[in-house]
Amino acid sequence: MKTRTNNRIRELLITSVEKFLRQGLSPKMISRTIASALFVGTIPVPGVSTLLCALLAAAFKMNLALIQVVNYLVFPLQLLLFLPFINIATRLSGKGVFLEIPHLMEQMTLGNWQNISAELFWLISSTILVWIVIMFPVSALCYFGLNPVVAAIRKNKADNS
């Protein structure tokens, strides 16, 4: 009896969360929201993905809850890809940023903030460029791969209802 009650509670909880996350969205919009969250959620600038996802959801009328849930789910991926993106950017730019850290710290103590700002801007912008080149096609593949799957799931649920 207890197992049946627990299963029923779990089913109700999962169903209500599922309905909340896909509230008012077509399969295309669900796929677009997930792909957008994957793209923005892996940005190699820590701390901005939540704000960017919220702005994206507002601008394109996406489900805010769904985009933020996916954003939080891909956060470990953001951490895993952070150093590889920086590494690729430093190799392409020819500047060994990791080797220049002692020099940058010395410049900070001397108060040469203009030089440091230029170096950091170069690192961040080249890393973001690498991120766009890599993650945009990945997100597009995610969108085109998820779209038929979400449509089939929705159709299957409608047939079973």
C-alpha atoms as a PDB file:
ATOM      1  CA  MET A   1       0.000   0.000   0.000  1.00  0.00           C
ATOM      2  CA  LYS A   2       2.805   2.385   0.929  1.00  0.00           C
ATOM      3  CA  THR A   3       4.659   1.698  -2.340  1.00  0.00           C
ATOM      4  CA  ARG A   4       1.532   2.418  -4.347  1.00  0.00           C
ATOM      5  CA  THR A   5       1.031   5.716  -2.515  1.00  0.00           C
ATOM      6  CA  ASN A   6       4.673   6.685  -3.041  1.00  0.00           C
ATOM      7  CA  ASN A   7       4.436   5.833  -6.753  1.00  0.00           C
ATOM      8  CA  ARG A   8       1.256   7.906  -7.077  1.00  0.00           C
ATOM      9  CA  ILE A   9       2.819  10.901  -5.318  1.00  0.00           C
ATOM     10  CA  ARG A  10       5.943  10.624  -7.487  1.00  0.00           C
ATOM     11  CA  GLU A  11       3.798  10.368 -10.626  1.00  0.00           C
ATOM     12  CA  LEU A  12       1.762  13.435  -9.657  1.00  0.00           C
ATOM     13  CA  LEU A  13       4.890  15.414  -8.842  1.00  0.00           C
ATOM     14  CA  ILE A  14       6.662  14.488 -12.086  1.00  0.00           C
ATOM     15  CA  THR A  15       3.534  15.145 -14.141  1.00  0.00           C
ATOM     16  CA  SER A  16       2.971  18.566 -12.590  1.00  0.00           C
ATOM     17  CA  VAL A  17       6.615  19.599 -13.052  1.00  0.00           C
ATOM     18  CA  GLU A  18       6.543  18.337 -16.639  1.00  0.00           C
ATOM     19  CA  LYS A  19       3.368  20.325 -17.375  1.00  0.00           C
ATOM     20  CA  PHE A  20       4.899  23.424 -15.800  1.00  0.00           C
ATOM     21  CA  LEU A  21       8.063  23.158 -17.879  1.00  0.00           C
ATOM     22  CA  ARG A  22       6.297  22.751 -21.219  1.00  0.00           C
ATOM     23  CA  GLN A  23       3.428  25.082 -20.445  1.00  0.00           C
ATOM     24  CA  GLY A  24       2.180  26.710 -23.626  1.00  0.00           C
ATOM     25  CA  LEU A  25       5.096  25.572 -25.761  1.00  0.00           C
ATOM     26  CA  SER A  26       5.065  23.818 -29.087  1.00  0.00           C
ATOM     27  CA  PRO A  27       7.602  21.041 -29.729  1.00  0.00           C
ATOM     28  CA  LYS A  28       9.655  23.477 -31.837  1.00  0.00           C
ATOM     29  CA  MET A  29       9.729  26.034 -29.041  1.00  0.00           C
ATOM     30  CA  ILE A  30      10.694  23.389 -26.469  1.00  0.00           C
ATOM     31  CA  SER A  31      13.571  22.251 -28.707  1.00  0.00           C
ATOM     32  CA  ARG A  32      14.606  25.847 -29.371  1.00  0.00           C
ATOM     33  CA  THR A  33      14.548  26.655 -25.653  1.00  0.00           C
ATOM     34  CA  ILE A  34      16.659  23.625 -24.730  1.00  0.00           C
ATOM     35  CA  ALA A  35      19.176  24.286 -27.525  1.00  0.00           C
ATOM     36  CA  SER A  36      19.412  27.972 -26.547  1.00  0.00           C
ATOM     37  CA  ALA A  37      19.984  27.060 -22.915  1.00  0.00           C
ATOM     38  CA  LEU A  38      22.705  24.609 -23.958  1.00  0.00           C
ATOM     39  CA  PHE A  39      24.378  27.308 -26.034  1.00  0.00           C
ATOM     40  CA  VAL A  40      24.175  30.107 -23.474  1.00  0.00           C
ATOM     41  CA  GLY A  41      24.716  27.820 -20.483  1.00  0.00           C
ATOM     42  CA  THR A  42      28.201  26.882 -21.673  1.00  0.00           C
ATOM     43  CA  ILE A  43      29.468  30.444 -22.139  1.00  0.00           C
ATOM     44  CA  PRO A  44      33.046  30.633 -20.852  1.00  0.00           C
ATOM     45  CA  VAL A  45      32.324  33.694 -18.726  1.00  0.00           C
ATOM     46  CA  PRO A  46      31.175  32.461 -15.315  1.00  0.00           C
ATOM     47  CA  GLY A  47      28.170  34.151 -13.794  1.00  0.00           C
ATOM     48  CA  VAL A  48      26.470  35.552 -16.879  1.00  0.00           C
ATOM     49  CA  SER A  49      24.586  32.545 -18.226  1.00  0.00           C
ATOM     50  CA  THR A  50      21.588  32.927 -15.891  1.00  0.00           C
ATOM     51  CA  LEU A  51      21.097  36.569 -16.857  1.00  0.00           C
ATOM     52  CA  LEU A  52      21.598  35.847 -20.564  1.00  0.00           C
ATOM     53  CA  CYS A  53      19.099  32.969 -20.444  1.00  0.00           C
ATOM     54  CA  ALA A  54      16.537  35.217 -18.756  1.00  0.00           C
ATOM     55  CA  LEU A  55      17.049  37.931 -21.380  1.00  0.00           C
ATOM     56  CA  LEU A  56      16.834  35.366 -24.173  1.00  0.00           C
ATOM     57  CA  ALA A  57      13.617  33.921 -22.750  1.00  0.00           C
ATOM     58  CA  ALA A  58      12.053  37.368 -22.496  1.00  0.00           C
ATOM     59  CA  ALA A  59      13.173  38.462 -25.959  1.00  0.00           C
ATOM     60  CA  PHE A  60      12.007  35.337 -27.788  1.00  0.00           C
ATOM     61  CA  LYS A  61       9.016  34.422 -25.586  1.00  0.00           C
ATOM     62  CA  MET A  62      10.575  31.191 -24.368  1.00  0.00           C
ATOM     63  CA  ASN A  63       9.572  29.381 -21.194  1.00  0.00           C
ATOM     64  CA  LEU A  64      11.725  30.988 -18.495  1.00  0.00           C
ATOM     65  CA  ALA A  65      11.511  28.009 -16.160  1.00  0.00           C
ATOM     66  CA  LEU A  66      12.584  25.519 -18.846  1.00  0.00           C
ATOM     67  CA  ILE A  67      15.504  27.611 -20.073  1.00  0.00           C
ATOM     68  CA  GLN A  68      16.771  28.120 -16.515  1.00  0.00           C
ATOM     69  CA  VAL A  69      16.412  24.429 -15.598  1.00  0.00           C
ATOM     70  CA  VAL A  70      18.430  23.407 -18.658  1.00  0.00           C
ATOM     71  CA  ASN A  71      20.917  26.201 -17.948  1.00  0.00           C
ATOM     72  CA  TYR A  72      21.497  24.833 -14.442  1.00  0.00           C
ATOM     73  CA  LEU A  73      21.749  21.280 -15.765  1.00  0.00           C
ATOM     74  CA  VAL A  74      24.515  22.238 -18.215  1.00  0.00           C
ATOM     75  CA  PHE A  75      26.467  24.178 -15.567  1.00  0.00           C
ATOM     76  CA  PRO A  76      28.896  21.262 -15.016  1.00  0.00           C
ATOM     77  CA  LEU A  77      29.511  21.295 -18.769  1.00  0.00           C
ATOM     78  CA  GLN A  78      30.371  25.001 -18.530  1.00  0.00           C
ATOM     79  CA  LEU A  79      32.963  24.188 -15.870  1.00  0.00           C
ATOM     80  CA  LEU A  80      34.363  21.285 -17.899  1.00  0.00           C
ATOM     81  CA  LEU A  81      34.681  23.359 -21.081  1.00  0.00           C
ATOM     82  CA  PHE A  82      36.051  26.523 -19.451  1.00  0.00           C
ATOM     83  CA  LEU A  83      39.754  25.617 -19.586  1.00  0.00           C
ATOM     84  CA  PRO A  84      39.634  23.922 -23.016  1.00  0.00           C
ATOM     85  CA  PHE A  85      38.000  27.052 -24.509  1.00  0.00           C
ATOM     86  CA  ILE A  86      40.684  29.262 -22.956  1.00  0.00           C
ATOM     87  CA  ASN A  87      43.406  26.851 -24.082  1.00  0.00           C
ATOM     88  CA  ILE A  88      42.162  26.877 -27.690  1.00  0.00           C
ATOM     89  CA  ALA A  89      41.852  30.672 -27.633  1.00  0.00           C
ATOM     90  CA  THR A  90      45.397  31.121 -26.328  1.00  0.00           C
ATOM     91  CA  ARG A  91      46.785  28.731 -28.953  1.00  0.00           C
ATOM     92  CA  LEU A  92      44.970  30.559 -31.752  1.00  0.00           C
ATOM     93  CA  SER A  93      46.002  33.988 -30.506  1.00  0.00           C
ATOM     94  CA  GLY A  94      49.586  32.939 -29.847  1.00  0.00           C
ATOM     95  CA  LYS A  95      49.500  34.391 -26.353  1.00  0.00           C
ATOM     96  CA  GLY A  96      50.248  32.029 -23.508  1.00  0.00           C
ATOM     97  CA  VAL A  97      47.920  33.550 -20.943  1.00  0.00           C
ATOM     98  CA  PHE A  98      48.719  30.944 -18.311  1.00  0.00           C
ATOM     99  CA  LEU A  99      52.409  31.741 -18.700  1.00  0.00           C
ATOM    100  CA  GLU A 100      51.685  35.472 -18.471  1.00  0.00           C
ATOM    101  CA  ILE A 101      49.820  35.290 -15.158  1.00  0.00           C
ATOM    102  CA  PRO A 102      52.914  36.207 -13.079  1.00  0.00           C
ATOM    103  CA  HIS A 103      53.539  39.143 -15.432  1.00  0.00           C
ATOM    104  CA  LEU A 104      49.903  40.254 -15.149  1.00  0.00           C
ATOM    105  CA  MET A 105      50.076  40.038 -11.361  1.00  0.00           C
ATOM    106  CA  GLU A 106      53.209  42.178 -11.403  1.00  0.00           C
ATOM    107  CA  GLN A 107      51.424  44.725 -13.608  1.00  0.00           C
ATOM    108  CA  MET A 108      48.516  44.744 -11.139  1.00  0.00           C
ATOM    109  CA  THR A 109      50.833  45.629  -8.252  1.00  0.00           C
ATOM    110  CA  LEU A 110      52.358  48.423 -10.328  1.00  0.00           C
ATOM    111  CA  GLY A 111      48.888  49.765 -11.091  1.00  0.00           C
ATOM    112  CA  ASN A 112      49.138  49.323 -14.852  1.00  0.00           C
ATOM    113  CA  TRP A 113      45.420  48.586 -15.215  1.00  0.00           C
ATOM    114  CA  GLN A 114      45.212  49.627 -18.874  1.00  0.00           C
ATOM    115  CA  ASN A 115      47.621  46.902 -19.963  1.00  0.00           C
ATOM    116  CA  ILE A 116      45.880  44.306 -17.807  1.00  0.00           C
ATOM    117  CA  SER A 117      42.455  45.324 -19.117  1.00  0.00           C
ATOM    118  CA  ALA A 118      43.631  44.981 -22.703  1.00  0.00           C
ATOM    119  CA  GLU A 119      45.095  41.522 -22.041  1.00  0.00           C
ATOM    120  CA  LEU A 120      41.963  40.313 -20.245  1.00  0.00           C
ATOM    121  CA  PHE A 121      39.694  41.776 -22.932  1.00  0.00           C
ATOM    122  CA  TRP A 122      41.707  39.945 -25.590  1.00  0.00           C
ATOM    123  CA  LEU A 123      41.511  36.684 -23.646  1.00  0.00           C
ATOM    124  CA  ILE A 124      37.782  36.958 -22.973  1.00  0.00           C
ATOM    125  CA  SER A 125      36.858  38.010 -26.510  1.00  0.00           C
ATOM    126  CA  SER A 126      38.947  35.301 -28.173  1.00  0.00           C
ATOM    127  CA  THR A 127      37.547  32.695 -25.755  1.00  0.00           C
ATOM    128  CA  ILE A 128      33.992  33.803 -26.543  1.00  0.00           C
ATOM    129  CA  LEU A 129      34.760  33.560 -30.259  1.00  0.00           C
ATOM    130  CA  VAL A 130      36.002  29.979 -29.799  1.00  0.00           C
ATOM    131  CA  TRP A 131      32.880  29.206 -27.754  1.00  0.00           C
ATOM    132  CA  ILE A 132      30.602  30.535 -30.520  1.00  0.00           C
ATOM    133  CA  VAL A 133      32.424  28.601 -33.242  1.00  0.00           C
ATOM    134  CA  ILE A 134      32.200  25.344 -31.280  1.00  0.00           C
ATOM    135  CA  MET A 135      28.880  25.581 -29.439  1.00  0.00           C
ATOM    136  CA  PHE A 136      26.682  27.138 -32.140  1.00  0.00           C
ATOM    137  CA  PRO A 137      26.816  24.052 -34.388  1.00  0.00           C
ATOM    138  CA  VAL A 138      26.423  21.798 -31.338  1.00  0.00           C
ATOM    139  CA  SER A 139      23.311  23.730 -30.291  1.00  0.00           C
ATOM    140  CA  ALA A 140      21.931  23.637 -33.833  1.00  0.00           C
ATOM    141  CA  LEU A 141      22.409  19.856 -33.920  1.00  0.00           C
ATOM    142  CA  CYS A 142      20.712  19.646 -30.525  1.00  0.00           C
ATOM    143  CA  TYR A 143      17.742  21.641 -31.842  1.00  0.00           C
ATOM    144  CA  PHE A 144      17.332  19.583 -35.004  1.00  0.00           C
ATOM    145  CA  GLY A 145      17.845  16.353 -33.071  1.00  0.00           C
ATOM    146  CA  LEU A 146      15.421  17.220 -30.278  1.00  0.00           C
ATOM    147  CA  ASN A 147      12.644  18.628 -32.451  1.00  0.00           C
ATOM    148  CA  PRO A 148      11.379  15.274 -33.831  1.00  0.00           C
ATOM    149  CA  VAL A 149      11.887  13.574 -30.455  1.00  0.00           C
ATOM    150  CA  VAL A 150       9.816  16.161 -28.570  1.00  0.00           C
ATOM    151  CA  ALA A 151       7.142  16.081 -31.280  1.00  0.00           C
ATOM    152  CA  ALA A 152       6.978  12.281 -31.093  1.00  0.00           C
ATOM    153  CA  ILE A 153       6.737  12.341 -27.295  1.00  0.00           C
ATOM    154  CA  ARG A 154       3.971  14.920 -27.427  1.00  0.00           C
ATOM    155  CA  LYS A 155       2.117  12.912 -30.107  1.00  0.00           C
ATOM    156  CA  ASN A 156       2.510   9.696 -28.105  1.00  0.00           C
ATOM    157  CA  LYS A 157       1.144  11.358 -24.966  1.00  0.00           C
ATOM    158  CA  ALA A 158      -1.785  12.789 -26.928  1.00  0.00           C
ATOM    159  CA  ASP A 159      -2.566   9.359 -28.381  1.00  0.00           C
ATOM    160  CA  ASN A 160      -2.463   7.742 -24.938  1.00  0.00           C
ATOM    161  CA  SER A 161      -4.741  10.348 -23.388  1.00  0.00           C
END
